[in-house]
Amino acid sequence: MNAARRALVAAAALAATLWATEGHAAAPGATPPLKAGVFEPPRLAPPVLLEGSDGRAFDLSRHRGKVVLLSFGFSSCPAVCPTTLATLAQARKALGADAKDVQVVFVTVDPERDTVQRLKDYMAAFDPGFIGATGRPEALARVRASFGATATKVTSGAAYGFDHTSSVYLIDRAGRLVGMMPYDHPAKDYVHDLRLLLAAR
């Protein structure tokens, strides 16, 4: 099965377990719902083994004990990626001391241009604690497929960009994939969900 087919299969499987929480009230005494869509039931996040912009081999499992916000994109992205990263930086700042328990991970869909150094510089423009991840094209394709994410190269003359999954994946302290926040949610929605996930042990 090729990478594109695996991505479609994984996306269908994830969609089948994703329940949109927006507009649904919590039962009396229950934990308030997330602003993100949630996976019911949550499942262990797929492994991610790539090269990190912090100069280390990136292993998602190393961040167990933290809440992880994982997104896909590329440093040449004109709008969606910088907007998302700026929003996540704003949310993390709003958490104050609790920000130390939140890790933002940005997985490139453009390994040709997004070297480790370029991602390091790009992450630093938003928050020095953010980690970018890159690797060989086939490794990145496997990661996208495992999350049900997609990325399609779009060319215009000599220039190119990508249409890619723009939602942010929420991974709890136990390493479980618990939700997806659609693009363009404000920082306050992330703060709401992060506080709930940080409080859960």
Protein backbone atom coordinates (compact mmCIF):
# COMPACT_ATOMS: atom_id res chain seq x y z
CA MET A 1 0.00 0.00 0.00
CA ASN A 2 1.53 3.34 -1.01
CA ALA A 3 1.80 6.36 1.30
CA ALA A 4 -1.19 8.17 -0.20
CA ARG A 5 -3.39 5.11 0.22
CA ARG A 6 -2.19 4.58 3.79
CA ALA A 7 -2.99 8.23 4.59
CA LEU A 8 -6.54 7.85 3.26
CA VAL A 9 -7.10 4.66 5.24
CA ALA A 10 -5.70 6.20 8.42
CA ALA A 11 -7.75 9.36 7.92
CA ALA A 12 -10.92 7.32 7.56
CA ALA A 13 -10.11 5.35 10.70
CA LEU A 14 -9.43 8.49 12.70
CA ALA A 15 -12.55 10.21 11.40
CA ALA A 16 -14.61 7.24 12.50
CA THR A 17 -13.51 7.80 16.10
CA LEU A 18 -13.61 11.60 16.14
CA TRP A 19 -16.56 13.12 17.92
CA ALA A 20 -17.01 16.91 17.64
CA THR A 21 -17.51 18.28 21.14
CA GLU A 22 -18.40 21.83 20.20
CA GLY A 23 -21.95 22.64 21.23
CA HIS A 24 -22.29 19.54 23.43
CA ALA A 25 -22.87 20.18 27.13
CA ALA A 26 -21.14 18.02 29.71
CA ALA A 27 -23.23 15.84 31.97
CA PRO A 28 -23.68 17.16 35.54
CA GLY A 29 -20.49 16.52 37.49
CA ALA A 30 -18.54 15.50 34.37
CA THR A 31 -15.35 17.10 33.12
CA PRO A 32 -16.22 20.02 30.81
CA PRO A 33 -15.81 19.10 27.14
CA LEU A 34 -12.83 20.14 25.09
CA LYS A 35 -13.21 22.86 22.49
CA ALA A 36 -11.41 20.52 20.08
CA GLY A 37 -13.04 17.52 18.51
CA VAL A 38 -12.22 14.48 20.64
CA PHE A 39 -11.31 10.89 19.85
CA GLU A 40 -13.60 8.40 21.51
CA PRO A 41 -11.97 6.39 22.79
CA PRO A 42 -8.54 8.03 22.94
CA ARG A 43 -5.73 5.89 21.55
CA LEU A 44 -1.98 5.84 21.89
CA ALA A 45 -0.47 8.42 19.53
CA PRO A 46 1.48 6.88 16.64
CA PRO A 47 5.27 6.82 17.02
CA VAL A 48 7.18 9.75 15.57
CA LEU A 49 10.92 9.20 15.05
CA LEU A 50 12.52 12.04 13.09
CA GLU A 51 15.26 14.70 13.31
CA GLY A 52 14.56 17.49 15.76
CA SER A 53 15.32 21.17 15.34
CA ASP A 54 16.84 21.07 18.83
CA GLY A 55 19.74 19.03 17.41
CA ARG A 56 18.55 15.73 18.85
CA ALA A 57 16.84 12.73 17.34
CA PHE A 58 13.15 13.44 17.81
CA ASP A 59 11.10 10.76 19.56
CA LEU A 60 7.52 11.69 20.45
CA SER A 61 7.50 9.20 23.33
CA ARG A 62 10.24 11.22 25.04
CA HIS A 63 7.62 13.85 25.80
CA ARG A 64 5.38 11.61 27.88
CA GLY A 65 4.30 13.52 30.97
CA LYS A 66 3.68 16.65 28.91
CA VAL A 67 0.70 17.66 26.80
CA VAL A 68 1.82 17.78 23.16
CA LEU A 69 0.33 19.93 20.42
CA LEU A 70 1.42 18.47 17.08
CA SER A 71 0.87 20.08 13.69
CA PHE A 72 2.00 19.54 10.11
CA GLY A 73 3.22 22.32 7.84
CA PHE A 74 6.21 23.99 6.21
CA SER A 75 8.31 27.07 6.90
CA SER A 76 7.50 28.69 3.54
CA CYS A 77 3.77 28.52 4.26
CA PRO A 78 2.31 31.98 3.61
CA ALA A 79 -0.53 32.06 6.14
CA VAL A 80 -1.89 28.91 7.78
CA CYS A 81 1.31 27.70 9.47
CA PRO A 82 2.49 31.03 10.86
CA THR A 83 -1.02 31.80 12.08
CA THR A 84 -1.24 28.45 13.84
CA LEU A 85 2.20 28.71 15.42
CA ALA A 86 1.56 32.28 16.57
CA THR A 87 -1.70 31.15 18.16
CA LEU A 88 0.02 28.26 19.94
CA ALA A 89 2.74 30.61 21.19
CA GLN A 90 0.08 32.95 22.54
CA ALA A 91 -1.72 30.07 24.26
CA ARG A 92 1.47 28.74 25.79
CA LYS A 93 2.37 32.19 27.10
CA ALA A 94 -1.08 32.52 28.68
CA LEU A 95 -0.47 29.36 30.71
CA GLY A 96 2.31 30.99 32.70
CA ALA A 97 4.30 28.50 34.76
CA ASP A 98 2.24 25.60 33.38
CA ALA A 99 3.73 26.19 29.91
CA LYS A 100 6.69 24.01 30.91
CA ASP A 101 4.36 21.00 30.65
CA VAL A 102 3.23 21.80 27.10
CA GLN A 103 5.33 20.84 24.07
CA VAL A 104 4.55 22.14 20.59
CA VAL A 105 5.82 19.96 17.73
CA PHE A 106 5.81 21.10 14.10
CA VAL A 107 6.37 18.30 11.57
CA THR A 108 7.40 19.55 8.15
CA VAL A 109 5.80 18.38 4.93
CA ASP A 110 8.64 20.01 2.95
CA PRO A 111 11.91 18.19 3.75
CA GLU A 112 13.56 19.54 0.61
CA ARG A 113 13.67 23.06 2.05
CA ASP A 114 13.07 22.51 5.77
CA THR A 115 16.47 21.50 7.08
CA VAL A 116 17.11 21.15 10.80
CA GLN A 117 18.70 24.61 10.91
CA ARG A 118 15.90 26.25 8.97
CA LEU A 119 13.31 24.71 11.30
CA LYS A 120 15.32 25.80 14.33
CA ASP A 121 15.30 29.39 13.11
CA TYR A 122 11.62 29.20 12.17
CA MET A 123 10.56 27.79 15.54
CA ALA A 124 12.59 30.44 17.40
CA ALA A 125 10.57 33.15 15.67
CA PHE A 126 7.49 31.94 17.55
CA ASP A 127 8.73 30.30 20.76
CA PRO A 128 12.22 28.92 21.48
CA GLY A 129 10.61 25.95 23.22
CA PHE A 130 8.88 24.76 20.05
CA ILE A 131 10.43 21.78 18.27
CA GLY A 132 10.43 21.30 14.51
CA ALA A 133 10.84 17.83 13.04
CA THR A 134 12.07 16.73 9.64
CA GLY A 135 13.43 13.60 7.99
CA ARG A 136 13.48 11.62 4.79
CA PRO A 137 10.38 12.05 2.61
CA GLU A 138 9.30 8.44 3.13
CA ALA A 139 9.63 8.75 6.92
CA LEU A 140 7.55 11.92 6.93
CA ALA A 141 4.94 10.27 4.70
CA ARG A 142 4.66 7.39 7.17
CA VAL A 143 4.12 9.80 10.06
CA ARG A 144 1.40 11.66 8.16
CA ALA A 145 -0.31 8.43 7.22
CA SER A 146 -0.28 7.22 10.82
CA PHE A 147 -2.05 10.41 11.94
CA GLY A 148 -4.43 10.46 9.00
CA ALA A 149 -2.85 13.71 7.78
CA THR A 150 -2.30 14.64 4.15
CA ALA A 151 0.01 16.93 2.17
CA THR A 152 -0.25 17.61 -1.54
CA LYS A 153 2.43 19.52 -3.42
CA VAL A 154 1.06 22.41 -5.48
CA THR A 155 3.30 23.98 -8.12
CA SER A 156 3.10 27.36 -9.81
CA GLY A 157 5.87 27.77 -12.34
CA ALA A 158 9.15 27.30 -10.49
CA ALA A 159 7.52 27.91 -7.10
CA TYR A 160 5.68 25.36 -5.02
CA GLY A 161 3.73 25.01 -1.81
CA PHE A 162 1.52 22.43 -0.12
CA ASP A 163 -2.12 21.87 0.66
CA HIS A 164 -1.92 20.05 3.98
CA THR A 165 -3.88 19.07 7.06
CA SER A 166 -4.21 22.22 9.14
CA SER A 167 -5.72 20.86 12.36
CA VAL A 168 -3.59 20.53 15.49
CA TYR A 169 -3.44 17.15 17.23
CA LEU A 170 -3.78 17.11 21.03
CA ILE A 171 -1.83 14.40 22.85
CA ASP A 172 -2.25 13.99 26.61
CA ARG A 173 0.34 13.33 29.31
CA ALA A 174 -0.06 9.58 28.86
CA GLY A 175 0.80 9.83 25.15
CA ARG A 176 -2.78 9.32 23.99
CA LEU A 177 -4.23 11.07 20.96
CA VAL A 178 -7.26 12.77 22.50
CA GLY A 179 -8.37 15.43 20.04
CA MET A 180 -7.94 17.64 16.99
CA MET A 181 -8.36 21.41 17.01
CA PRO A 182 -9.48 22.73 13.62
CA TYR A 183 -7.58 25.61 12.05
CA ASP A 184 -8.36 29.17 13.09
CA HIS A 185 -9.50 28.51 16.67
CA PRO A 186 -8.36 31.32 18.96
CA ALA A 187 -5.69 30.96 21.61
CA LYS A 188 -8.30 30.99 24.37
CA ASP A 189 -9.73 27.68 23.07
CA TYR A 190 -6.30 26.07 23.30
CA VAL A 191 -5.82 27.49 26.80
CA HIS A 192 -9.18 26.02 27.83
CA ASP A 193 -8.30 22.56 26.53
CA LEU A 194 -4.71 22.64 27.76
CA ARG A 195 -5.79 23.47 31.30
CA LEU A 196 -8.16 20.49 31.28
CA LEU A 197 -5.49 18.15 29.89
CA LEU A 198 -2.80 19.45 32.26
CA ALA A 199 -5.10 18.90 35.25
CA ALA A 200 -5.73 15.27 34.30
CA ARG A 201 -3.25 12.82 35.77
